[in-house]
Amino acid sequence: MANLGNPTNTIEILKKYNFNFQKKFGQNFLIDSNVLEHIIDAAEITKDDLVLEIGPGIGTMTQYLAEHAREVVAVEIDETLIPILQDTLSSYDNVTVINDDILKVDLKKLADERNGGRPIKVVANLPYYITTPIIMGLFENEVPLKSITIMIQKEVADRMQAGPGTKDYGALSLAVQFYAKPEVVLQVSPGCFIPKPGVGSSVIRLTRYEEMPIRVQDEKKLFSLIRASFNQRRKTLVNGLGNAGALKTASGKSVPVTKEDVQNALAKMELSPTIRGEALTLEQFARLSELL
């Protein structure tokens, strides 16, 4: 089968099937073989690996993954791409294409059945509009993961690896860093895609912690606290959390929080009563969550 990392071959396939890009699916197909090889290298794909690809498009990266992995499972939501994938991947017997919404697929079951419950590697060129729900779904649903190597909007990648006190630091930074070590491995210009997106992209690798560096009794409560702390970013924690009124917990109950509760907890942590959420580290948020 023709290598789809070559723009000419991509255009031929799109014409052959009279394919129309769907804006609602955020479709931008990679047409740069150097970038594709970089992604495979960054993901450290080997013949032992089961790789989950999210949004294979016309199968460009799938071809590269199939050459390096033991098995590839590609989940594609757009049914008009299925006949194209059957064509472009016809020479690979180690690829399974599932036509479904990735947010509705039982990925834990998939890893159990196809990889004996061992950690899988996720590789994707993700649509920008749905990056965060997909990433958090992978982490929160306890899918056994080794790493997630994804092409995403540069701005989102910057937020994922930002630290306290920076403008990019926020709820997404903390959520990702709770589960994994983020590392941007490549910057990608709009010219590497068809059609060209309006923004630059980054390839980021999230390496899942084997041993969680931070443990809390209730993860849902921690993330509820973090979201409330950044909902009103310019407010102090005392005011922001006091205005939120309550924190959600794993059991579905709400824990009421007053400004006085927050002041007392910050005092125990020897932090200023006027501190803002953007100044706290993940460890400090974890401690605050346990105190409230």
Protein backbone atom coordinates (compact mmCIF):
# COMPACT_ATOMS: atom_id res chain seq x y z
CA MET A 1 0.00 0.00 0.00
CA ALA A 2 1.22 3.53 -0.80
CA ASN A 3 2.84 5.37 2.11
CA LEU A 4 0.38 8.02 3.30
CA GLY A 5 3.17 10.07 4.90
CA ASN A 6 3.59 11.31 1.31
CA PRO A 7 1.16 14.23 0.57
CA THR A 8 0.59 13.09 -3.04
CA ASN A 9 -0.64 9.67 -1.89
CA THR A 10 -2.92 11.26 0.71
CA ILE A 11 -4.50 13.56 -1.88
CA GLU A 12 -5.00 10.60 -4.26
CA ILE A 13 -6.85 8.60 -1.59
CA LEU A 14 -9.05 11.57 -0.63
CA LYS A 15 -9.95 12.10 -4.32
CA LYS A 16 -10.53 8.38 -4.92
CA TYR A 17 -13.14 8.28 -2.17
CA ASN A 18 -14.40 11.83 -2.75
CA PHE A 19 -13.82 12.46 0.96
CA ASN A 20 -15.14 15.64 2.57
CA PHE A 21 -13.51 16.88 5.79
CA GLN A 22 -15.94 17.06 8.70
CA LYS A 23 -15.44 20.15 10.80
CA LYS A 24 -17.39 18.61 13.70
CA PHE A 25 -14.72 15.89 14.00
CA GLY A 26 -11.82 18.34 13.84
CA GLN A 27 -10.12 16.47 10.99
CA ASN A 28 -6.57 17.48 10.03
CA PHE A 29 -4.49 14.69 8.47
CA LEU A 30 -0.72 14.52 8.90
CA ILE A 31 1.30 14.59 5.66
CA ASP A 32 4.88 14.69 6.95
CA SER A 33 6.84 11.44 7.21
CA ASN A 34 9.52 13.02 9.45
CA VAL A 35 6.91 13.98 12.04
CA LEU A 36 5.36 10.50 11.85
CA GLU A 37 8.72 8.84 12.47
CA HIS A 38 9.36 11.23 15.38
CA ILE A 39 6.05 10.21 16.98
CA ILE A 40 6.85 6.48 16.65
CA ASP A 41 10.28 7.09 18.22
CA ALA A 42 8.85 9.20 21.05
CA ALA A 43 6.22 6.56 21.84
CA GLU A 44 8.98 3.89 21.93
CA ILE A 45 6.81 1.38 20.06
CA THR A 46 8.16 -2.20 20.01
CA LYS A 47 6.98 -5.59 18.75
CA ASP A 48 5.76 -6.37 22.29
CA ASP A 49 3.24 -3.52 22.27
CA LEU A 50 -0.49 -3.28 21.85
CA VAL A 51 -1.09 0.27 20.63
CA LEU A 52 -4.42 2.06 20.81
CA GLU A 53 -4.74 4.75 18.15
CA ILE A 54 -7.51 7.31 18.59
CA GLY A 55 -8.81 8.89 15.38
CA PRO A 56 -6.75 7.15 12.67
CA GLY A 57 -8.28 9.27 9.90
CA ILE A 58 -7.27 7.65 6.60
CA GLY A 59 -4.69 5.44 8.32
CA THR A 60 -1.54 7.55 7.87
CA MET A 61 -0.05 6.99 11.33
CA THR A 62 -1.71 3.56 11.59
CA GLN A 63 0.57 2.31 8.81
CA TYR A 64 3.65 3.42 10.74
CA LEU A 65 2.34 1.94 13.99
CA ALA A 66 1.53 -1.39 12.32
CA GLU A 67 5.13 -1.66 11.06
CA HIS A 68 6.51 -1.30 14.62
CA ALA A 69 3.90 -2.74 17.02
CA ARG A 70 2.65 -6.25 17.72
CA GLU A 71 -0.96 -5.13 17.34
CA VAL A 72 -2.81 -1.87 16.67
CA VAL A 73 -6.42 -1.14 17.62
CA ALA A 74 -7.65 2.04 15.90
CA VAL A 75 -10.90 3.69 17.02
CA GLU A 76 -12.51 5.98 14.42
CA ILE A 77 -15.80 7.82 14.98
CA ASP A 78 -16.41 8.88 11.34
CA GLU A 79 -18.07 5.98 9.51
CA THR A 80 -17.25 7.50 6.09
CA LEU A 81 -13.56 6.78 6.84
CA ILE A 82 -14.09 3.03 7.46
CA PRO A 83 -13.99 1.94 3.76
CA ILE A 84 -10.90 4.11 3.26
CA LEU A 85 -9.17 2.48 6.25
CA GLN A 86 -10.07 -0.99 4.92
CA ASP A 87 -8.27 0.02 1.71
CA THR A 88 -5.19 1.80 3.17
CA LEU A 89 -4.60 -0.87 5.84
CA SER A 90 -5.44 -3.92 3.70
CA SER A 91 -1.84 -5.20 3.73
CA TYR A 92 -1.60 -5.27 7.56
CA ASP A 93 -2.96 -8.25 9.47
CA ASN A 94 -2.15 -6.77 12.90
CA VAL A 95 -4.65 -3.87 12.77
CA THR A 96 -8.24 -3.82 14.03
CA VAL A 97 -10.45 -0.82 13.23
CA ILE A 98 -13.38 -0.06 15.54
CA ASN A 99 -16.02 2.40 14.31
CA ASP A 100 -17.09 4.05 17.56
CA ASP A 101 -16.77 7.08 19.82
CA ILE A 102 -13.61 6.62 21.92
CA LEU A 103 -15.45 8.02 24.98
CA LYS A 104 -17.91 5.10 24.78
CA VAL A 105 -15.41 2.24 24.28
CA ASP A 106 -14.57 0.05 27.30
CA LEU A 107 -10.79 0.42 27.02
CA LYS A 108 -10.07 -1.47 30.25
CA LYS A 109 -11.87 -4.51 28.81
CA LEU A 110 -10.01 -4.08 25.51
CA ALA A 111 -6.63 -4.09 27.32
CA ASP A 112 -7.68 -7.17 29.33
CA GLU A 113 -8.81 -9.14 26.27
CA ARG A 114 -6.03 -8.19 23.85
CA ASN A 115 -3.07 -7.52 26.13
CA GLY A 116 -3.72 -9.73 29.15
CA GLY A 117 -4.33 -6.62 31.29
CA ARG A 118 -0.77 -5.40 30.70
CA PRO A 119 -0.28 -1.66 30.08
CA ILE A 120 -1.00 -0.45 26.55
CA LYS A 121 0.47 2.53 24.70
CA VAL A 122 -1.83 5.20 23.27
CA VAL A 123 -0.84 7.20 20.20
CA ALA A 124 -3.08 9.79 18.55
CA ASN A 125 -3.38 12.91 16.45
CA LEU A 126 -6.21 14.29 18.58
CA PRO A 127 -8.95 16.69 17.51
CA TYR A 128 -8.38 19.84 19.54
CA TYR A 129 -11.97 20.22 20.73
CA ILE A 130 -12.02 16.90 22.59
CA THR A 131 -8.42 16.52 23.83
CA THR A 132 -9.12 17.00 27.54
CA PRO A 133 -12.13 14.62 27.88
CA ILE A 134 -10.19 11.87 26.07
CA ILE A 135 -7.02 12.26 28.16
CA MET A 136 -8.89 12.45 31.47
CA GLY A 137 -11.11 9.52 30.46
CA LEU A 138 -8.01 7.37 29.88
CA PHE A 139 -6.60 8.26 33.32
CA GLU A 140 -9.75 8.27 35.42
CA ASN A 141 -11.21 5.02 34.04
CA GLU A 142 -8.13 3.13 35.22
CA VAL A 143 -7.15 1.94 31.74
CA PRO A 144 -3.77 0.15 32.14
CA LEU A 145 -1.44 2.61 30.42
CA LYS A 146 2.28 2.76 29.79
CA SER A 147 2.22 6.09 27.96
CA ILE A 148 0.11 8.45 25.86
CA THR A 149 1.91 10.10 22.94
CA ILE A 150 -0.33 12.63 21.26
CA MET A 151 -0.34 15.45 18.77
CA ILE A 152 -2.39 18.30 20.24
CA GLN A 153 -2.77 22.07 20.07
CA LYS A 154 0.46 23.71 21.25
CA GLU A 155 -1.39 25.84 23.80
CA VAL A 156 -2.94 22.73 25.43
CA ALA A 157 0.43 20.93 25.54
CA ASP A 158 1.93 24.01 27.25
CA ARG A 159 -0.84 23.89 29.86
CA MET A 160 -0.26 20.19 30.53
CA GLN A 161 3.36 20.68 31.54
CA ALA A 162 3.06 24.11 33.23
CA GLY A 163 4.15 24.63 36.85
CA PRO A 164 2.85 26.85 39.69
CA GLY A 165 2.98 30.62 39.24
CA THR A 166 2.83 30.55 35.42
CA LYS A 167 -0.06 31.79 33.27
CA ASP A 168 -0.58 28.33 31.69
CA TYR A 169 -0.83 26.58 35.07
CA GLY A 170 -4.33 25.39 35.91
CA ALA A 171 -6.69 22.49 36.52
CA LEU A 172 -5.49 20.61 33.41
CA SER A 173 -1.80 20.91 34.45
CA LEU A 174 -2.57 19.45 37.87
CA ALA A 175 -4.85 16.68 36.59
CA VAL A 176 -2.31 15.45 34.03
CA GLN A 177 0.65 15.73 36.44
CA PHE A 178 -1.25 13.79 39.12
CA TYR A 179 -1.25 10.72 36.85
CA ALA A 180 1.74 11.14 34.53
CA LYS A 181 5.00 12.86 33.68
CA PRO A 182 4.42 15.22 30.71
CA GLU A 183 7.15 16.00 28.20
CA VAL A 184 6.81 17.96 24.93
CA VAL A 185 8.92 16.12 22.36
CA LEU A 186 8.21 18.02 19.13
CA GLN A 187 6.70 21.25 17.77
CA VAL A 188 4.74 20.84 14.52
CA SER A 189 3.80 23.63 12.10
CA PRO A 190 0.36 23.91 10.43
CA GLY A 191 1.97 23.11 7.04
CA CYS A 192 2.41 19.46 8.10
CA PHE A 193 -1.36 18.87 7.85
CA ILE A 194 -4.09 18.78 5.29
CA PRO A 195 -6.12 20.95 5.69
CA LYS A 196 -3.85 23.35 7.60
CA PRO A 197 -5.11 24.05 11.14
CA GLY A 198 -5.18 27.66 12.32
CA VAL A 199 -2.76 26.99 15.20
CA GLY A 200 0.57 25.29 15.87
CA SER A 201 0.71 21.79 17.32
CA SER A 202 2.93 19.90 19.76
CA VAL A 203 3.63 16.23 20.28
CA ILE A 204 3.58 15.51 24.01
CA ARG A 205 4.35 12.23 25.77
CA LEU A 206 2.59 11.50 29.05
CA THR A 207 4.39 8.67 30.84
CA ARG A 208 2.02 7.07 33.37
CA TYR A 209 3.46 6.77 36.88
CA GLU A 210 3.92 3.16 37.94
CA GLU A 211 3.89 4.32 41.55
CA MET A 212 1.69 7.37 42.15
CA PRO A 213 3.91 10.07 43.75
CA ILE A 214 0.90 11.61 45.46
CA ARG A 215 -1.88 9.68 47.14
CA VAL A 216 -5.16 11.08 48.43
CA GLN A 217 -8.14 9.37 50.04
CA ASP A 218 -10.58 10.82 47.50
CA GLU A 219 -9.36 11.77 44.00
CA LYS A 220 -12.76 13.14 43.00
CA LYS A 221 -12.69 15.54 45.97
CA LEU A 222 -9.15 16.65 45.08
CA PHE A 223 -10.15 17.46 41.48
CA SER A 224 -13.34 19.18 42.65
CA LEU A 225 -11.13 21.35 44.90
CA ILE A 226 -8.70 22.09 42.06
CA ARG A 227 -11.47 23.07 39.63
CA ALA A 228 -13.09 25.34 42.22
CA SER A 229 -9.69 26.97 42.91
CA PHE A 230 -9.24 27.93 39.24
CA ASN A 231 -12.87 28.75 38.38
CA GLN A 232 -12.27 32.28 39.64
CA ARG A 233 -8.58 32.48 38.96
CA ARG A 234 -8.00 36.04 40.20
CA LYS A 235 -9.70 35.41 43.53
CA THR A 236 -7.89 34.22 46.65
CA LEU A 237 -8.41 30.57 47.62
CA VAL A 238 -10.41 31.65 50.65
CA ASN A 239 -12.89 33.55 48.46
CA GLY A 240 -12.87 31.16 45.49
CA LEU A 241 -13.47 28.02 47.55
CA GLY A 242 -15.79 29.82 49.96
CA ASN A 243 -17.94 30.91 47.00
CA ALA A 244 -17.94 27.35 45.59
CA GLY A 245 -19.73 26.23 48.75
CA ALA A 246 -19.06 22.48 48.51
CA LEU A 247 -16.72 19.84 47.11
CA LYS A 248 -17.91 16.70 45.32
CA THR A 249 -16.62 13.34 46.61
CA ALA A 250 -16.24 9.86 45.13
CA SER A 251 -19.33 8.66 47.01
CA GLY A 252 -21.42 11.36 45.32
CA LYS A 253 -21.84 13.36 48.51
CA SER A 254 -20.94 17.02 48.80
CA VAL A 255 -18.61 18.32 51.50
CA PRO A 256 -19.61 21.85 52.52
CA VAL A 257 -16.73 24.34 52.62
CA THR A 258 -16.78 27.78 54.25
CA LYS A 259 -14.27 30.61 54.01
CA GLU A 260 -13.38 29.92 57.64
CA ASP A 261 -12.64 26.25 56.82
CA VAL A 262 -10.24 27.34 54.07
CA GLN A 263 -8.56 29.93 56.32
CA ASN A 264 -8.03 27.32 59.05
CA ALA A 265 -6.63 24.75 56.60
CA LEU A 266 -4.22 27.30 55.07
CA ALA A 267 -3.07 28.31 58.57
CA LYS A 268 -2.26 24.65 59.37
CA MET A 269 -0.24 24.53 56.14
CA GLU A 270 1.51 27.78 57.11
CA LEU A 271 0.27 29.50 53.95
CA SER A 272 -0.94 33.09 53.59
CA PRO A 273 -4.73 33.61 53.85
CA THR A 274 -4.49 35.71 50.66
CA ILE A 275 -2.80 33.01 48.54
CA ARG A 276 -4.28 32.14 45.14
CA GLY A 277 -4.73 28.67 43.68
CA GLU A 278 -2.14 29.30 40.94
CA ALA A 279 0.59 29.46 43.64
CA LEU A 280 -0.07 25.99 45.12
CA THR A 281 1.82 22.86 44.07
CA LEU A 282 0.05 19.55 43.47
CA GLU A 283 1.33 18.31 46.85
CA GLN A 284 -0.18 21.36 48.56
CA PHE A 285 -3.53 20.84 46.84
CA ALA A 286 -3.48 17.21 48.02
CA ARG A 287 -2.81 18.31 51.60
CA LEU A 288 -5.54 20.98 51.44
CA SER A 289 -8.00 18.38 50.12
CA GLU A 290 -7.27 16.11 53.11
CA LEU A 291 -7.66 18.99 55.59
CA LEU A 292 -11.00 20.24 54.27
